[in-house]
Amino acid sequence: MIAIFDLDGTLADTLYDLADATNYGLEKLDCPVHPYESYRKFVGNGVQKLCYRALPDDRKDDTEKLLEIFSGYYGEHFLDKTKLYDGMKKCLEVLTEKNVILAVATNKPQNFAVQIIDKLLPEYKFVKVLGGCTERPKKPDTAIITEIISEYPEEENIYMIGDSNVDIQTAKNAGIKSIGCVWGFRGIEELTGAGADFIAETPEDIVKYII
């Protein structure tokens, strides 16, 4: 069995640090900032898309400028407020005990994804922590899933676990099962609307569905 986790809004609540970094950049560009709740809809497709969505309609051409400022600030503050969701460590502990293969597939930039996992979950073995990079397209493209599961051709029970329609669509595109996490950024309506195979109210539910 393979459990492939999204990161933002699934393993960890990263919303506040993402929002702070984006708002910092918006202020530097003399653009209006957004409340934290707005960022629940801005995230999910990578940081470039996050910056694009956060900019006013008449300032979309400044996406690269905002991305540069964002990256500098986030690189120093990405763990200021980020924390694991309650129950997630126990979930990973049980999955590990049951010999479930663990991996991470996120649209967050690769370097940040690796650092967050190393800092917050150093005691767990993830066979791969893959994030956004220039070498492969972002989810919902299946390239990131293929890279993970290609080393385990014998495994048939594979789950994509995430909090957004992007994760559910990724699973559908890859022909694997999906578990939607309602505690994340998008909520149950988006997950059910996207056609999640299972809905997890708590991390314990993830264990229940996989085991």
C-alpha atoms as a PDB file:
ATOM      1  CA  MET A   1       0.000   0.000   0.000  1.00  0.00           C
ATOM      2  CA  ILE A   2       1.167   3.504  -0.799  1.00  0.00           C
ATOM      3  CA  ALA A   3      -0.126   6.680   0.865  1.00  0.00           C
ATOM      4  CA  ILE A   4       0.769   9.827  -1.061  1.00  0.00           C
ATOM      5  CA  PHE A   5       0.114  12.982   0.932  1.00  0.00           C
ATOM      6  CA  ASP A   6      -0.381  16.528  -0.193  1.00  0.00           C
ATOM      7  CA  LEU A   7       1.397  18.955   2.161  1.00  0.00           C
ATOM      8  CA  ASP A   8      -0.369  22.319   2.464  1.00  0.00           C
ATOM      9  CA  GLY A   9      -3.761  21.862   4.089  1.00  0.00           C
ATOM     10  CA  THR A  10      -3.271  18.108   4.499  1.00  0.00           C
ATOM     11  CA  LEU A  11      -0.228  17.296   6.609  1.00  0.00           C
ATOM     12  CA  ALA A  12       0.350  20.826   7.866  1.00  0.00           C
ATOM     13  CA  ASP A  13      -1.475  24.109   8.238  1.00  0.00           C
ATOM     14  CA  THR A  14       0.764  26.396   6.212  1.00  0.00           C
ATOM     15  CA  LEU A  15      -1.857  29.010   5.385  1.00  0.00           C
ATOM     16  CA  TYR A  16      -0.682  31.774   7.690  1.00  0.00           C
ATOM     17  CA  ASP A  17       2.947  31.748   6.574  1.00  0.00           C
ATOM     18  CA  LEU A  18       1.895  31.657   2.914  1.00  0.00           C
ATOM     19  CA  ALA A  19      -0.485  34.552   3.477  1.00  0.00           C
ATOM     20  CA  ASP A  20       2.050  36.587   5.427  1.00  0.00           C
ATOM     21  CA  ALA A  21       4.674  36.198   2.710  1.00  0.00           C
ATOM     22  CA  THR A  22       2.222  37.141  -0.032  1.00  0.00           C
ATOM     23  CA  ASN A  23       0.853  40.118   1.874  1.00  0.00           C
ATOM     24  CA  TYR A  24       4.393  41.286   2.560  1.00  0.00           C
ATOM     25  CA  GLY A  25       5.053  41.287  -1.172  1.00  0.00           C
ATOM     26  CA  LEU A  26       1.767  43.003  -1.952  1.00  0.00           C
ATOM     27  CA  GLU A  27       2.622  45.803   0.462  1.00  0.00           C
ATOM     28  CA  LYS A  28       6.019  46.223  -1.179  1.00  0.00           C
ATOM     29  CA  LEU A  29       4.259  46.604  -4.536  1.00  0.00           C
ATOM     30  CA  ASP A  30       1.686  49.053  -3.101  1.00  0.00           C
ATOM     31  CA  CYS A  31      -1.160  46.598  -3.656  1.00  0.00           C
ATOM     32  CA  PRO A  32      -4.008  45.817  -1.247  1.00  0.00           C
ATOM     33  CA  VAL A  33      -3.467  42.860   1.072  1.00  0.00           C
ATOM     34  CA  HIS A  34      -5.939  40.069   1.827  1.00  0.00           C
ATOM     35  CA  PRO A  35      -7.305  38.478   5.021  1.00  0.00           C
ATOM     36  CA  TYR A  36      -6.114  34.984   5.848  1.00  0.00           C
ATOM     37  CA  GLU A  37      -9.405  33.374   4.814  1.00  0.00           C
ATOM     38  CA  SER A  38      -9.002  34.607   1.243  1.00  0.00           C
ATOM     39  CA  TYR A  39      -5.868  32.536   0.864  1.00  0.00           C
ATOM     40  CA  ARG A  40      -7.822  29.308   1.215  1.00  0.00           C
ATOM     41  CA  LYS A  41      -8.894  29.826  -2.395  1.00  0.00           C
ATOM     42  CA  PHE A  42      -5.602  31.286  -3.616  1.00  0.00           C
ATOM     43  CA  VAL A  43      -3.397  28.294  -2.782  1.00  0.00           C
ATOM     44  CA  GLY A  44      -3.300  24.862  -4.380  1.00  0.00           C
ATOM     45  CA  ASN A  45      -1.721  25.317  -7.803  1.00  0.00           C
ATOM     46  CA  GLY A  46       1.784  26.451  -6.875  1.00  0.00           C
ATOM     47  CA  VAL A  47       3.233  29.728  -5.640  1.00  0.00           C
ATOM     48  CA  GLN A  48       3.227  31.438  -9.032  1.00  0.00           C
ATOM     49  CA  LYS A  49      -0.521  30.922  -9.292  1.00  0.00           C
ATOM     50  CA  LEU A  50      -0.888  32.056  -5.672  1.00  0.00           C
ATOM     51  CA  CYS A  51       0.859  35.333  -6.483  1.00  0.00           C
ATOM     52  CA  TYR A  52      -1.213  35.790  -9.638  1.00  0.00           C
ATOM     53  CA  ARG A  53      -4.473  35.295  -7.771  1.00  0.00           C
ATOM     54  CA  ALA A  54      -3.476  37.666  -4.971  1.00  0.00           C
ATOM     55  CA  LEU A  55      -2.733  40.580  -7.282  1.00  0.00           C
ATOM     56  CA  PRO A  56      -5.464  43.036  -8.353  1.00  0.00           C
ATOM     57  CA  ASP A  57      -6.852  42.521 -11.834  1.00  0.00           C
ATOM     58  CA  ASP A  58      -4.913  45.500 -13.183  1.00  0.00           C
ATOM     59  CA  ARG A  59      -1.598  44.306 -11.698  1.00  0.00           C
ATOM     60  CA  LYS A  60      -1.397  40.714 -12.937  1.00  0.00           C
ATOM     61  CA  ASP A  61       1.705  41.624 -14.958  1.00  0.00           C
ATOM     62  CA  ASP A  62       3.534  41.980 -11.643  1.00  0.00           C
ATOM     63  CA  THR A  63       3.226  38.269 -10.856  1.00  0.00           C
ATOM     64  CA  GLU A  64       6.944  37.594 -11.275  1.00  0.00           C
ATOM     65  CA  LYS A  65       7.864  40.599  -9.138  1.00  0.00           C
ATOM     66  CA  LEU A  66       5.553  39.440  -6.380  1.00  0.00           C
ATOM     67  CA  LEU A  67       6.872  35.880  -6.672  1.00  0.00           C
ATOM     68  CA  GLU A  68      10.440  37.105  -6.191  1.00  0.00           C
ATOM     69  CA  ILE A  69       9.553  39.101  -3.075  1.00  0.00           C
ATOM     70  CA  PHE A  70       7.396  36.272  -1.758  1.00  0.00           C
ATOM     71  CA  SER A  71      10.176  33.712  -2.190  1.00  0.00           C
ATOM     72  CA  GLY A  72      12.711  35.795  -0.312  1.00  0.00           C
ATOM     73  CA  TYR A  73      10.395  36.423   2.615  1.00  0.00           C
ATOM     74  CA  TYR A  74       8.943  32.909   2.745  1.00  0.00           C
ATOM     75  CA  GLY A  75      12.425  31.417   2.709  1.00  0.00           C
ATOM     76  CA  GLU A  76      13.073  33.056   6.076  1.00  0.00           C
ATOM     77  CA  HIS A  77       9.617  32.692   7.622  1.00  0.00           C
ATOM     78  CA  PHE A  78       8.060  29.481   6.272  1.00  0.00           C
ATOM     79  CA  LEU A  79       7.979  27.874   9.718  1.00  0.00           C
ATOM     80  CA  ASP A  80       6.911  30.895  11.783  1.00  0.00           C
ATOM     81  CA  LYS A  81       3.291  29.758  12.089  1.00  0.00           C
ATOM     82  CA  THR A  82       3.196  26.474  10.164  1.00  0.00           C
ATOM     83  CA  LYS A  83       2.265  23.429  12.249  1.00  0.00           C
ATOM     84  CA  LEU A  84       1.088  19.858  11.814  1.00  0.00           C
ATOM     85  CA  TYR A  85      -2.617  19.151  12.084  1.00  0.00           C
ATOM     86  CA  ASP A  86      -3.728  17.431  15.266  1.00  0.00           C
ATOM     87  CA  GLY A  87      -3.647  13.664  14.935  1.00  0.00           C
ATOM     88  CA  MET A  88      -1.369  13.617  11.908  1.00  0.00           C
ATOM     89  CA  LYS A  89       1.646  12.165  13.714  1.00  0.00           C
ATOM     90  CA  LYS A  90      -0.455   9.336  15.096  1.00  0.00           C
ATOM     91  CA  CYS A  91      -1.835   8.669  11.636  1.00  0.00           C
ATOM     92  CA  LEU A  92       1.653   8.394  10.153  1.00  0.00           C
ATOM     93  CA  GLU A  93       2.804   6.269  13.073  1.00  0.00           C
ATOM     94  CA  VAL A  94       0.074   3.698  12.521  1.00  0.00           C
ATOM     95  CA  LEU A  95       0.571   3.655   8.755  1.00  0.00           C
ATOM     96  CA  THR A  96       4.289   3.096   9.288  1.00  0.00           C
ATOM     97  CA  GLU A  97       3.599   0.245  11.718  1.00  0.00           C
ATOM     98  CA  LYS A  98       1.395  -1.352   9.046  1.00  0.00           C
ATOM     99  CA  ASN A  99       4.223  -1.050   6.483  1.00  0.00           C
ATOM    100  CA  VAL A 100       2.392   1.466   4.327  1.00  0.00           C
ATOM    101  CA  ILE A 101       4.786   3.290   2.002  1.00  0.00           C
ATOM    102  CA  LEU A 102       4.667   7.051   2.645  1.00  0.00           C
ATOM    103  CA  ALA A 103       5.324   9.823   0.123  1.00  0.00           C
ATOM    104  CA  VAL A 104       4.573  13.510  -0.399  1.00  0.00           C
ATOM    105  CA  ALA A 105       3.332  15.050  -3.652  1.00  0.00           C
ATOM    106  CA  THR A 106       2.757  18.800  -3.457  1.00  0.00           C
ATOM    107  CA  ASN A 107       2.741  21.824  -5.728  1.00  0.00           C
ATOM    108  CA  LYS A 108       4.732  23.745  -3.102  1.00  0.00           C
ATOM    109  CA  PRO A 109       8.287  24.417  -4.346  1.00  0.00           C
ATOM    110  CA  GLN A 110      10.483  21.377  -3.818  1.00  0.00           C
ATOM    111  CA  ASN A 111      13.015  23.063  -1.532  1.00  0.00           C
ATOM    112  CA  PHE A 112      10.362  24.326   0.870  1.00  0.00           C
ATOM    113  CA  ALA A 113       8.510  21.005   0.880  1.00  0.00           C
ATOM    114  CA  VAL A 114      11.638  19.068   1.812  1.00  0.00           C
ATOM    115  CA  GLN A 115      12.583  21.509   4.557  1.00  0.00           C
ATOM    116  CA  ILE A 116       9.111  21.476   6.127  1.00  0.00           C
ATOM    117  CA  ILE A 117       8.949  17.676   6.176  1.00  0.00           C
ATOM    118  CA  ASP A 118      12.475  17.475   7.599  1.00  0.00           C
ATOM    119  CA  LYS A 119      11.625  19.949  10.360  1.00  0.00           C
ATOM    120  CA  LEU A 120       8.127  18.790  11.300  1.00  0.00           C
ATOM    121  CA  LEU A 121       8.313  15.038  10.635  1.00  0.00           C
ATOM    122  CA  PRO A 122      11.947  13.957  10.976  1.00  0.00           C
ATOM    123  CA  GLU A 123      11.038  10.647  12.604  1.00  0.00           C
ATOM    124  CA  TYR A 124       9.026   9.313   9.649  1.00  0.00           C
ATOM    125  CA  LYS A 125      10.386   7.834   6.454  1.00  0.00           C
ATOM    126  CA  PHE A 126       8.937   9.270   3.267  1.00  0.00           C
ATOM    127  CA  VAL A 127      10.302   7.440   0.247  1.00  0.00           C
ATOM    128  CA  LYS A 128       9.938  10.630  -1.783  1.00  0.00           C
ATOM    129  CA  VAL A 129       9.081  14.248  -1.015  1.00  0.00           C
ATOM    130  CA  LEU A 130       8.297  15.816  -4.374  1.00  0.00           C
ATOM    131  CA  GLY A 131       7.271  19.402  -4.916  1.00  0.00           C
ATOM    132  CA  GLY A 132       6.917  21.929  -7.680  1.00  0.00           C
ATOM    133  CA  CYS A 133       9.933  22.282  -9.975  1.00  0.00           C
ATOM    134  CA  THR A 134      10.790  23.086 -13.567  1.00  0.00           C
ATOM    135  CA  GLU A 135      11.484  19.429 -14.393  1.00  0.00           C
ATOM    136  CA  ARG A 136       7.866  18.250 -14.211  1.00  0.00           C
ATOM    137  CA  PRO A 137       4.374  19.756 -14.495  1.00  0.00           C
ATOM    138  CA  LYS A 138       2.297  20.471 -11.410  1.00  0.00           C
ATOM    139  CA  LYS A 139      -0.691  18.512 -10.168  1.00  0.00           C
ATOM    140  CA  PRO A 140      -3.258  17.604 -11.442  1.00  0.00           C
ATOM    141  CA  ASP A 141      -0.771  16.315 -14.020  1.00  0.00           C
ATOM    142  CA  THR A 142       0.190  12.758 -13.064  1.00  0.00           C
ATOM    143  CA  ALA A 143       3.970  13.110 -13.517  1.00  0.00           C
ATOM    144  CA  ILE A 144       4.589  13.524  -9.790  1.00  0.00           C
ATOM    145  CA  ILE A 145       2.524  10.416  -8.981  1.00  0.00           C
ATOM    146  CA  THR A 146       4.219   8.376 -11.689  1.00  0.00           C
ATOM    147  CA  GLU A 147       7.642   9.277 -10.304  1.00  0.00           C
ATOM    148  CA  ILE A 148       6.615   8.011  -6.870  1.00  0.00           C
ATOM    149  CA  ILE A 149       4.894   4.779  -7.800  1.00  0.00           C
ATOM    150  CA  SER A 150       7.191   3.715 -10.652  1.00  0.00           C
ATOM    151  CA  GLU A 151       9.534   2.073  -8.141  1.00  0.00           C
ATOM    152  CA  TYR A 152       6.682  -0.025  -6.729  1.00  0.00           C
ATOM    153  CA  PRO A 153       5.034  -1.693  -9.743  1.00  0.00           C
ATOM    154  CA  GLU A 154       3.636  -4.473  -7.565  1.00  0.00           C
ATOM    155  CA  GLU A 155       1.606  -2.095  -5.397  1.00  0.00           C
ATOM    156  CA  GLU A 156      -2.053  -1.844  -6.357  1.00  0.00           C
ATOM    157  CA  ASN A 157      -3.563  -0.065  -3.342  1.00  0.00           C
ATOM    158  CA  ILE A 158      -2.426   3.518  -3.861  1.00  0.00           C
ATOM    159  CA  TYR A 159      -4.071   6.558  -2.284  1.00  0.00           C
ATOM    160  CA  MET A 160      -3.722  10.287  -2.987  1.00  0.00           C
ATOM    161  CA  ILE A 161      -4.587  12.179   0.188  1.00  0.00           C
ATOM    162  CA  GLY A 162      -5.321  15.884  -0.073  1.00  0.00           C
ATOM    163  CA  ASP A 163      -7.592  18.791   0.738  1.00  0.00           C
ATOM    164  CA  SER A 164      -8.498  20.222  -2.681  1.00  0.00           C
ATOM    165  CA  ASN A 165     -10.036  19.384  -6.029  1.00  0.00           C
ATOM    166  CA  VAL A 166      -6.507  19.481  -7.445  1.00  0.00           C
ATOM    167  CA  ASP A 167      -5.578  16.422  -5.373  1.00  0.00           C
ATOM    168  CA  ILE A 168      -8.778  14.566  -6.235  1.00  0.00           C
ATOM    169  CA  GLN A 169      -8.338  15.260  -9.939  1.00  0.00           C
ATOM    170  CA  THR A 170      -4.710  14.159  -9.728  1.00  0.00           C
ATOM    171  CA  ALA A 171      -5.848  10.834  -8.295  1.00  0.00           C
ATOM    172  CA  LYS A 172      -8.476  10.428 -11.008  1.00  0.00           C
ATOM    173  CA  ASN A 173      -5.957  11.219 -13.730  1.00  0.00           C
ATOM    174  CA  ALA A 174      -3.531   8.670 -12.280  1.00  0.00           C
ATOM    175  CA  GLY A 175      -6.161   5.974 -11.789  1.00  0.00           C
ATOM    176  CA  ILE A 176      -5.636   5.733  -8.026  1.00  0.00           C
ATOM    177  CA  LYS A 177      -7.941   6.181  -5.029  1.00  0.00           C
ATOM    178  CA  SER A 178      -8.440   9.565  -3.380  1.00  0.00           C
ATOM    179  CA  ILE A 179      -9.053  10.624   0.214  1.00  0.00           C
ATOM    180  CA  GLY A 180     -10.318  14.167   0.759  1.00  0.00           C
ATOM    181  CA  CYS A 181      -9.339  15.874   4.021  1.00  0.00           C
ATOM    182  CA  VAL A 182     -12.017  18.263   5.257  1.00  0.00           C
ATOM    183  CA  TRP A 183      -9.755  20.016   7.789  1.00  0.00           C
ATOM    184  CA  GLY A 184      -7.735  21.598   4.989  1.00  0.00           C
ATOM    185  CA  PHE A 185      -8.118  24.802   3.024  1.00  0.00           C
ATOM    186  CA  ARG A 186     -11.034  24.004   0.719  1.00  0.00           C
ATOM    187  CA  GLY A 187     -13.652  22.049   2.686  1.00  0.00           C
ATOM    188  CA  ILE A 188     -16.009  19.151   2.155  1.00  0.00           C
ATOM    189  CA  GLU A 189     -18.152  20.660  -0.615  1.00  0.00           C
ATOM    190  CA  GLU A 190     -15.217  21.011  -2.977  1.00  0.00           C
ATOM    191  CA  LEU A 191     -13.981  17.520  -2.162  1.00  0.00           C
ATOM    192  CA  THR A 192     -17.311  15.805  -2.673  1.00  0.00           C
ATOM    193  CA  GLY A 193     -17.964  17.875  -5.771  1.00  0.00           C
ATOM    194  CA  ALA A 194     -14.636  16.751  -7.194  1.00  0.00           C
ATOM    195  CA  GLY A 195     -15.620  13.129  -6.598  1.00  0.00           C
ATOM    196  CA  ALA A 196     -13.327  12.046  -3.766  1.00  0.00           C
ATOM    197  CA  ASP A 197     -13.507   8.299  -3.172  1.00  0.00           C
ATOM    198  CA  PHE A 198     -13.357   8.797   0.595  1.00  0.00           C
ATOM    199  CA  ILE A 199     -13.888  11.763   2.906  1.00  0.00           C
ATOM    200  CA  ALA A 200     -11.725  12.014   6.028  1.00  0.00           C
ATOM    201  CA  GLU A 201     -13.105  14.075   8.899  1.00  0.00           C
ATOM    202  CA  THR A 202      -9.964  13.400  10.968  1.00  0.00           C
ATOM    203  CA  PRO A 203      -6.520  11.882  10.315  1.00  0.00           C
ATOM    204  CA  GLU A 204      -7.789   8.725  12.028  1.00  0.00           C
ATOM    205  CA  ASP A 205     -10.146   8.259   9.078  1.00  0.00           C
ATOM    206  CA  ILE A 206      -7.171   8.059   6.730  1.00  0.00           C
ATOM    207  CA  VAL A 207      -5.906   5.053   8.656  1.00  0.00           C
ATOM    208  CA  LYS A 208      -9.365   3.490   8.603  1.00  0.00           C
ATOM    209  CA  TYR A 209      -9.707   3.792   4.828  1.00  0.00           C
ATOM    210  CA  ILE A 210      -6.212   2.527   4.018  1.00  0.00           C
ATOM    211  CA  ILE A 211      -5.909  -0.234   6.609  1.00  0.00           C
END
